[in-house]
Protein backbone atom coordinates (compact mmCIF):
# COMPACT_ATOMS: atom_id res chain seq x y z
CA MET A 1 -16.31 -7.26 -2.66
CA CYS A 2 -20.52 -7.37 -2.86
CA SER A 3 -21.00 -10.30 -5.48
CA ARG A 4 -22.36 -11.97 -2.49
CA SER A 5 -26.11 -12.68 -2.65
CA ARG A 6 -27.04 -9.12 -1.66
CA CYS A 7 -26.22 -8.54 -5.32
CA ALA A 8 -28.67 -10.67 -6.63
CA GLY A 9 -32.23 -9.59 -8.33
CA GLY A 10 -33.44 -6.56 -7.83
CA GLU A 11 -30.13 -4.40 -5.78
CA ARG A 12 -28.36 -4.95 -8.91
CA SER A 13 -30.68 -3.59 -11.32
CA VAL A 14 -29.97 -0.40 -9.57
CA THR A 15 -26.51 -0.39 -9.97
CA LEU A 16 -26.06 -0.81 -13.55
CA ILE A 17 -23.40 1.61 -14.71
CA THR A 18 -24.69 4.20 -16.89
CA GLY A 19 -21.90 6.01 -17.33
CA VAL A 20 -18.05 5.88 -16.90
CA GLY A 21 -15.97 9.80 -16.36
CA LEU A 22 -12.26 10.21 -17.20
CA ARG A 23 -9.84 12.37 -16.09
CA GLN A 24 -6.43 14.20 -15.53
CA VAL A 25 -5.94 15.54 -11.72
CA LEU A 26 -2.58 16.22 -9.63
CA ASP A 27 -0.88 13.37 -7.08
CA SER A 28 1.31 14.43 -4.49
CA ARG A 29 4.06 14.96 -6.70
CA GLY A 30 1.96 17.33 -8.66
CA ASP A 31 2.62 14.07 -11.65
CA PRO A 32 -0.56 13.73 -13.90
CA THR A 33 -2.65 10.75 -12.74
CA VAL A 34 -5.96 9.47 -13.85
CA GLU A 35 -9.40 9.75 -11.78
CA ALA A 36 -12.86 7.81 -12.38
CA GLU A 37 -15.93 8.57 -12.15
CA VAL A 38 -18.55 5.56 -12.28
CA ARG A 39 -22.69 6.80 -12.37
CA THR A 40 -25.37 3.71 -12.09
CA GLU A 41 -29.00 3.69 -13.71
CA SER A 42 -29.94 4.98 -10.13
CA GLY A 43 -28.12 7.38 -9.66
CA GLY A 44 -25.04 5.50 -7.77
CA PHE A 45 -21.96 7.58 -7.66
CA GLY A 46 -18.47 7.15 -7.30
CA ARG A 47 -15.66 9.23 -7.63
CA ALA A 48 -11.77 6.91 -7.09
CA ALA A 49 -8.10 8.53 -8.02
CA ALA A 50 -5.33 6.08 -9.35
CA PRO A 51 -1.85 6.77 -7.44
CA SER A 52 2.32 6.33 -9.10
CA GLY A 53 5.05 4.14 -7.31
CA ALA A 54 8.33 6.08 -7.11
CA SER A 55 9.73 2.13 -6.82
CA THR A 56 8.19 -0.12 -8.56
CA GLY A 57 9.03 -3.57 -8.92
CA GLU A 58 9.20 -4.36 -12.22
CA HIS A 59 6.18 -6.93 -11.70
CA GLU A 60 3.74 -4.62 -11.55
CA ALA A 61 0.83 -4.84 -13.39
CA ILE A 62 2.09 -1.24 -16.49
CA GLU A 63 1.15 2.26 -15.26
CA LEU A 64 0.62 4.46 -19.26
CA PRO A 65 0.98 7.77 -19.42
CA PRO A 66 -2.54 9.35 -18.25
CA GLY A 67 -3.84 10.25 -21.34
CA GLU A 68 -2.63 7.87 -22.82
CA ALA A 69 -4.66 4.87 -20.07
CA ILE A 70 -7.39 7.90 -21.05
CA ALA A 71 -7.91 6.85 -24.15
CA ALA A 72 -7.33 3.95 -24.30
CA ALA A 73 -9.68 3.26 -20.95
CA ARG A 74 -12.33 5.31 -23.36
CA GLU A 75 -11.94 3.37 -27.07
CA ARG A 76 -11.54 -0.51 -25.38
CA ALA A 77 -12.85 -0.76 -21.78
CA LEU A 78 -15.83 2.09 -21.26
CA PRO A 79 -18.08 0.05 -23.72
CA ARG A 80 -17.86 -2.99 -21.96
CA VAL A 81 -18.07 -0.94 -18.52
CA GLU A 82 -21.01 1.10 -19.33
CA GLY A 83 -24.68 -0.65 -20.75
CA GLN A 84 -22.46 -3.69 -19.61
CA VAL A 85 -22.22 -4.33 -15.86
CA TYR A 86 -23.53 -4.03 -12.18
CA ALA A 87 -21.21 -1.03 -9.69
CA GLY A 88 -22.66 -3.88 -6.93
CA ASP A 89 -20.28 -6.94 -8.67
CA GLN A 90 -17.10 -6.37 -7.83
CA ARG A 91 -15.68 -9.27 -9.88
CA SER A 92 -17.87 -8.61 -13.21
CA VAL A 93 -16.56 -5.05 -13.16
CA ASP A 94 -13.11 -5.88 -13.11
CA ARG A 95 -13.10 -8.98 -15.47
CA ALA A 96 -14.62 -6.50 -17.88
CA LEU A 97 -11.74 -4.37 -17.60
CA GLY A 98 -9.68 -7.33 -17.44
CA GLN A 99 -11.23 -8.46 -20.79
CA ALA A 100 -10.98 -4.82 -22.44
CA ASP A 101 -7.01 -4.80 -21.39
CA GLY A 102 -6.34 -7.79 -22.94
CA THR A 103 -2.89 -8.11 -21.30
CA GLU A 104 -2.40 -10.01 -18.13
CA ASN A 105 -0.45 -6.87 -16.86
CA PHE A 106 -3.28 -3.92 -17.91
CA SER A 107 -0.46 -2.21 -20.99
CA GLU A 108 -3.16 -1.20 -22.97
CA ILE A 109 -5.25 0.07 -21.07
CA GLY A 110 -2.77 0.82 -18.44
CA ALA A 111 -3.53 -0.13 -14.16
CA ASN A 112 -3.42 3.33 -13.50
CA SER A 113 -7.34 3.37 -15.15
CA ALA A 114 -8.01 -0.15 -14.87
CA VAL A 115 -7.69 0.65 -10.57
CA ALA A 116 -9.45 4.30 -11.02
CA ILE A 117 -12.14 2.75 -12.90
CA SER A 118 -13.07 -0.36 -10.85
CA MET A 119 -12.61 1.75 -7.23
CA ALA A 120 -14.79 3.73 -8.23
CA ALA A 121 -17.27 1.25 -9.09
CA ALA A 122 -17.04 -0.14 -5.81
CA LYS A 123 -18.15 3.52 -4.43
CA ALA A 124 -20.54 4.00 -6.73
CA ALA A 125 -22.50 0.49 -5.04
CA SER A 126 -21.96 1.31 -1.41
CA ASP A 127 -23.44 4.77 -2.94
CA VAL A 128 -26.36 2.80 -3.61
CA LEU A 129 -26.59 0.77 -0.73
CA GLY A 130 -26.37 3.84 1.34
CA ALA A 131 -23.68 2.07 2.84
CA PRO A 132 -19.78 2.64 4.65
CA LEU A 133 -16.98 1.71 1.29
CA TYR A 134 -16.15 -1.57 3.49
CA GLN A 135 -19.60 -2.69 4.50
CA HIS A 136 -19.82 -3.28 0.51
CA LEU A 137 -16.23 -4.98 0.50
CA GLY A 138 -16.16 -6.88 3.33
CA GLY A 139 -19.93 -7.55 4.72
CA ALA A 140 -20.57 -10.04 7.10
CA PHE A 141 -17.29 -11.05 6.52
CA ARG A 142 -15.33 -7.65 7.74
CA GLY A 143 -13.53 -8.77 11.01
CA ASP A 144 -14.15 -6.20 14.53
CA THR A 145 -10.49 -5.31 14.10
CA PHE A 146 -8.81 -2.61 12.74
CA PRO A 147 -5.53 -2.23 10.98
CA THR A 148 -1.88 -0.31 12.67
CA PRO A 149 -0.87 2.01 11.08
CA LEU A 150 2.92 2.60 10.04
CA GLY A 151 3.90 5.90 9.63
CA ASN A 152 6.94 6.56 8.15
CA VAL A 153 8.53 9.15 9.88
CA VAL A 154 12.17 9.17 8.20
CA GLY A 155 13.44 8.13 4.21
CA GLY A 156 15.38 8.18 1.45
CA GLY A 157 15.92 5.81 -1.10
CA GLU A 158 13.98 6.90 -3.99
CA HIS A 159 11.98 8.81 -2.09
CA ALA A 160 14.91 11.02 -1.22
CA ALA A 161 18.14 12.43 -2.53
CA ASP A 162 21.39 12.10 -1.00
CA ALA A 163 19.42 10.64 2.23
CA THR A 164 19.28 6.87 3.63
CA ASP A 165 20.14 4.05 2.38
CA ILE A 166 17.15 2.41 3.58
CA GLN A 167 13.98 3.84 1.57
CA GLU A 168 11.41 4.34 4.85
CA PHE A 169 11.93 4.06 8.82
CA LEU A 170 8.55 3.26 10.06
CA VAL A 171 6.74 3.54 13.81
CA ALA A 172 4.04 1.07 14.69
CA PRO A 173 2.33 1.99 17.52
CA VAL A 174 0.96 -1.24 18.31
CA GLY A 175 0.23 -1.22 21.75
CA ALA A 176 -2.92 1.74 21.19
CA PRO A 177 -5.97 0.96 22.46
CA SER A 178 -7.70 2.73 19.72
CA VAL A 179 -7.01 3.84 15.85
CA ALA A 180 -6.41 7.68 16.95
CA ASP A 181 -4.44 6.83 19.44
CA ALA A 182 -2.40 5.33 17.29
CA VAL A 183 -2.41 7.69 13.99
CA PHE A 184 -1.53 10.17 16.19
CA ALA A 185 1.19 8.58 18.25
CA ASN A 186 2.75 8.80 14.98
CA ALA A 187 3.08 12.17 14.42
CA ALA A 188 4.09 12.87 16.97
CA VAL A 189 7.01 10.37 16.85
CA HIS A 190 7.17 12.37 13.36
CA GLY A 191 7.44 15.35 14.90
CA GLU A 192 9.93 13.92 17.52
CA VAL A 193 12.54 13.29 14.77
CA GLY A 194 12.30 17.01 13.92
CA ASP A 195 13.08 17.98 16.98
CA LEU A 196 16.05 15.80 17.38
CA LEU A 197 17.36 16.98 14.44
CA ALA A 198 17.07 19.53 14.78
CA GLU A 199 18.24 20.13 18.12
CA GLU A 200 21.61 18.13 16.85
CA GLY A 201 22.02 21.29 13.77
CA ILE A 202 20.91 18.93 10.99
CA PRO A 203 18.97 19.97 7.98
CA ALA A 204 16.95 17.71 6.64
CA GLY A 205 13.99 18.27 3.86
CA LYS A 206 11.66 15.45 3.52
CA GLY A 207 10.41 13.27 1.09
CA ASP A 208 7.39 12.08 -1.23
CA GLU A 209 5.63 10.73 1.93
CA GLY A 210 6.86 13.45 4.09
CA ALA A 211 9.01 11.57 6.44
CA TRP A 212 12.63 13.39 7.57
CA ALA A 213 15.24 12.78 4.66
CA PRO A 214 18.48 14.62 6.24
CA SER A 215 21.60 13.68 5.35
CA VAL A 216 22.63 10.92 7.99
CA SER A 217 23.11 6.95 7.55
CA ASP A 218 21.32 4.43 8.48
CA SER A 219 22.46 3.55 12.30
CA GLU A 220 22.13 7.09 11.78
CA ALA A 221 18.26 7.46 11.61
CA PHE A 222 17.67 4.07 13.67
CA ASP A 223 18.91 5.99 16.65
CA LEU A 224 17.04 9.05 15.41
CA VAL A 225 13.95 6.61 15.14
CA SER A 226 14.51 5.21 18.10
CA ARG A 227 15.10 8.05 20.51
CA ALA A 228 11.97 9.42 18.77
CA ALA A 229 10.16 6.44 19.68
CA GLU A 230 11.18 5.76 23.49
CA THR A 231 9.98 9.56 23.88
CA VAL A 232 6.56 9.10 22.59
CA ALA A 233 6.11 5.85 23.89
CA ASP A 234 6.65 6.63 27.54
CA ASP A 235 4.78 10.37 27.40
CA VAL A 236 0.78 8.02 25.65
CA GLY A 237 1.89 5.03 27.88
CA PHE A 238 2.10 2.20 25.10
CA ARG A 239 3.91 0.27 23.33
CA ILE A 240 5.55 1.69 19.89
CA ASP A 241 8.12 -0.25 17.54
CA LEU A 242 10.46 0.22 14.80
CA GLY A 243 10.58 -1.32 11.34
CA VAL A 244 12.21 -0.60 7.02
CA ASP A 245 11.28 -0.33 4.42
CA VAL A 246 14.89 -1.59 2.52
CA ALA A 247 13.48 -1.23 -0.90
CA ALA A 248 16.89 -3.25 -1.54
CA SER A 249 15.88 -4.18 -5.59
CA GLU A 250 16.93 -0.20 -5.63
CA LEU A 251 20.02 -0.50 -3.94
CA TYR A 252 21.23 -4.49 -5.91
CA ASP A 253 22.98 -3.96 -9.05
CA PRO A 254 22.70 -7.87 -10.84
CA GLU A 255 25.52 -6.97 -13.14
CA ALA A 256 28.12 -7.06 -10.37
CA GLY A 257 25.46 -9.63 -7.22
CA VAL A 258 26.27 -6.56 -4.32
CA TYR A 259 23.87 -4.39 -2.92
CA ARG A 260 25.53 -1.13 -3.31
CA TYR A 261 24.65 0.82 -0.06
CA SER A 262 26.98 4.34 0.30
CA ASP A 263 29.73 3.01 1.87
CA THR A 264 29.95 -1.03 1.07
CA GLU A 265 28.20 -3.32 -1.02
CA ARG A 266 27.06 -6.91 0.27
CA THR A 267 26.74 -9.70 -1.48
CA PRO A 268 22.85 -11.63 -1.33
CA ALA A 269 24.25 -13.73 1.17
CA GLU A 270 26.09 -10.49 3.29
CA GLN A 271 22.56 -8.93 2.61
CA VAL A 272 20.56 -11.84 4.97
CA GLU A 273 23.04 -11.96 7.76
CA TYR A 274 22.83 -7.79 8.15
CA MET A 275 18.98 -7.74 7.74
CA ALA A 276 19.38 -10.46 10.35
CA GLY A 277 21.77 -8.42 12.35
CA LEU A 278 19.72 -5.40 11.99
CA ILE A 279 16.11 -7.20 12.54
CA GLU A 280 17.69 -8.32 16.12
CA GLU A 281 19.37 -5.21 17.14
CA HIS A 282 16.78 -3.14 16.95
CA GLY A 283 13.81 -5.69 17.79
CA LEU A 284 12.01 -5.08 15.07
CA LEU A 285 8.69 -5.85 13.62
CA TYR A 286 8.31 -5.50 10.23
CA VAL A 287 11.08 -5.24 7.58
CA GLU A 288 9.78 -5.02 3.33
CA ASP A 289 11.85 -5.75 0.74
CA PRO A 290 14.98 -6.78 2.07
CA LEU A 291 16.16 -8.87 -0.62
CA ASP A 292 15.98 -8.40 -4.17
CA GLU A 293 13.01 -9.18 -5.94
CA ASP A 294 13.96 -11.97 -7.53
CA ASP A 295 15.59 -13.80 -4.95
CA PHE A 296 12.70 -16.10 -3.27
CA GLU A 297 15.67 -18.21 -2.12
CA GLY A 298 17.34 -14.53 0.38
CA PHE A 299 13.57 -14.24 1.95
CA ALA A 300 12.79 -17.57 2.51
CA ASP A 301 16.26 -17.98 4.85
CA LEU A 302 15.46 -14.52 6.46
CA THR A 303 11.99 -15.28 7.96
CA ALA A 304 13.01 -18.74 9.52
CA ARG A 305 15.70 -17.21 10.49
CA VAL A 306 14.23 -13.82 12.45
CA GLY A 307 10.62 -15.67 14.05
CA GLU A 308 7.66 -13.42 14.68
CA THR A 309 8.97 -10.74 12.67
CA LEU A 310 6.33 -9.75 9.41
CA VAL A 311 9.03 -10.76 6.02
CA CYS A 312 6.78 -8.16 3.51
CA GLY A 313 7.00 -9.00 -0.20
CA ASP A 314 6.36 -5.67 -1.48
CA ASP A 315 7.89 -5.91 -5.52
CA LEU A 316 8.78 -9.52 -4.83
CA PHE A 317 4.83 -10.41 -4.77
CA ALA A 318 3.98 -6.94 -6.89
CA THR A 319 0.41 -7.88 -5.59
CA SER A 320 0.44 -10.92 -7.83
CA VAL A 321 -1.21 -14.16 -7.04
CA GLU A 322 0.46 -16.24 -8.89
CA ARG A 323 4.34 -15.22 -7.82
CA LEU A 324 2.54 -15.16 -3.65
CA GLU A 325 2.61 -18.74 -4.79
CA ARG A 326 5.98 -19.22 -5.36
CA GLY A 327 6.12 -17.63 -1.81
CA ILE A 328 4.57 -19.63 -0.41
CA ASP A 329 5.02 -22.73 -1.65
CA GLU A 330 9.52 -21.44 -1.00
CA GLY A 331 8.74 -20.90 2.39
CA ALA A 332 9.56 -17.13 1.01
CA ALA A 333 8.64 -13.90 3.72
CA ASN A 334 5.52 -14.42 6.14
CA SER A 335 3.71 -11.61 4.17
CA ILE A 336 2.39 -9.73 1.92
CA LEU A 337 2.04 -5.54 0.80
CA VAL A 338 -1.29 -5.20 -1.11
CA LYS A 339 -1.33 -1.81 -3.35
CA PRO A 340 -4.78 -2.58 -5.51
CA ASN A 341 -2.20 -0.26 -8.01
CA GLN A 342 0.13 -3.18 -8.67
CA THR A 343 -2.36 -5.38 -9.61
CA GLY A 344 -4.93 -3.18 -11.52
CA THR A 345 -7.62 -3.94 -10.14
CA LEU A 346 -10.58 -4.55 -6.17
CA THR A 347 -10.06 -7.98 -7.45
CA GLY A 348 -7.09 -8.86 -8.10
CA ALA A 349 -5.83 -6.69 -4.17
CA PHE A 350 -9.13 -9.53 -2.08
CA ASP A 351 -7.35 -12.73 -4.30
CA ALA A 352 -4.06 -12.06 -3.25
CA ILE A 353 -5.31 -11.10 0.41
CA GLU A 354 -7.65 -14.19 0.70
CA ARG A 355 -4.92 -16.99 -1.07
CA GLY A 356 -2.31 -15.43 1.41
CA ARG A 357 -4.14 -15.35 4.70
CA ARG A 358 -4.87 -19.07 4.06
CA ALA A 359 -0.88 -20.01 3.54
CA GLY A 360 -0.35 -17.39 7.16
CA TYR A 361 0.52 -14.22 5.51
CA GLU A 362 -0.40 -11.65 7.39
CA PRO A 363 -1.48 -8.87 4.47
CA VAL A 364 -0.50 -4.84 4.89
CA VAL A 365 -2.39 -2.94 3.13
CA SER A 366 -0.39 -0.43 1.55
CA HIS A 367 -0.02 3.19 -0.03
CA ARG A 368 1.92 4.61 -2.65
CA SER A 369 4.60 7.43 -2.89
CA GLY A 370 2.70 8.99 -5.30
CA GLU A 371 -0.78 9.72 -3.39
CA THR A 372 -3.84 11.82 -3.84
CA GLU A 373 -7.18 11.98 -1.08
CA ASP A 374 -8.54 9.21 -2.31
CA THR A 375 -9.19 7.18 0.85
CA THR A 376 -9.84 3.17 -0.70
CA ILE A 377 -7.11 1.60 1.22
CA ALA A 378 -8.59 2.43 4.67
CA HIS A 379 -12.03 1.06 4.04
CA LEU A 380 -10.17 -1.86 1.97
CA ALA A 381 -8.04 -2.93 5.34
CA VAL A 382 -10.89 -2.64 7.51
CA ALA A 383 -13.08 -4.57 5.07
CA THR A 384 -9.78 -7.72 4.78
CA ASP A 385 -9.27 -6.43 8.27
CA ALA A 386 -6.10 -6.08 7.73
CA PRO A 387 -3.75 -6.83 10.69
CA TYR A 388 -1.89 -3.22 9.81
CA ILE A 389 -2.44 -0.09 6.89
CA LYS A 390 1.28 1.63 5.39
CA THR A 391 -0.08 4.72 4.60
CA GLY A 392 2.65 7.10 6.25
CA ALA A 393 2.31 9.96 8.82
CA VAL A 394 1.83 13.47 7.58
CA GLY A 395 0.86 15.74 4.95
CA GLY A 396 -2.35 16.30 3.64
CA GLU A 397 -2.96 12.60 1.40
CA ARG A 398 -1.79 10.75 3.25
CA THR A 399 -3.45 11.81 6.42
CA ALA A 400 -6.69 11.80 4.38
CA LYS A 401 -6.01 7.84 4.66
CA LEU A 402 -5.70 7.59 8.40
CA ASN A 403 -8.71 10.57 9.14
CA GLU A 404 -10.81 8.20 7.50
CA LEU A 405 -9.83 5.52 9.75
CA ILE A 406 -10.29 7.32 12.72
CA ARG A 407 -14.06 8.21 11.36
CA ILE A 408 -14.69 4.91 10.55
CA GLU A 409 -13.37 3.31 13.83
CA GLU A 410 -15.34 5.86 15.94
CA ASN A 411 -18.84 5.06 13.53
CA ALA A 412 -18.11 1.41 13.02
């Protein structure tokens, strides 16, 4: 991030934050969220909006009602930011936000106000530099590869009622020769699933992230997505793999000690066996949150059994370096989902990515189910050389990130 040498001296002075504006705007679910605007002494400008999750983990930074978050940030954070820190020094911006809040989880000013200000400050700094955001964030340390988009094409769980137990059925066009090819392949699989549903007379609306939400079993969903991916792979001539986000914490009943599916119950040991079987049967490339958010032992057991499959911790890690350290110590998972609003700042997201990478954990930069048109995560994924980005397949707030990736690749 731009806390390195290029932010010293005169370049720092022109990025002094002189104004921060906050307002409520709509997210993709029609709910209010926090948008921030940051201005610098030299006229640099950045705007960013906070997303919001549906299946939120217990260990995430705290999101406040947007009106409360804005009022608290105006009272506590803005006096520590305006005229006090430089947008070009991201760590100083985010440190000021943390000090203004005074808690470990942004429960005073809200992670939604904090992350909006954090991202807007980064954009203001890149505006001053006249450089794309990914260059400001990554500088000379950015790699030359681009992330493969994971596309959500069938879903249920907390994202859609009366649909599948598994929250997301994903496709990953790992053989695509370009970001653009990958983006259009995911959209094509989504369209093919819709055609298959229509042919078989299965009615289906769409969930929070634009994925089809038919009232089918998990096994039927696997069949639909597999067939659609095979058809599209044949058409485009490159490999498309499958993945899932189980969101298992939403299925787990801690009092009974079982995972409750619509047709059965499984103990934690049986859940490990079940997930290992799904990975083998369907050749899954990616499995997110296959077990409860506090079951480090179960994650470690599954990770040891699945070879090269990415076992990704979302609720398990909540983009927290502290929880990731425990996972590394116990061998739990081999990948970390990175959501800036889970930790409240871009610095927190960067630190989680860098710590995971040192231990061999692949970072997957991710959207939330309640999204906006903000494209920061596309730049974050490129800046950190993340191998994957999870940002849906269709829908304006999803395609905003995907289209930005296409632009970045074309102009890099």
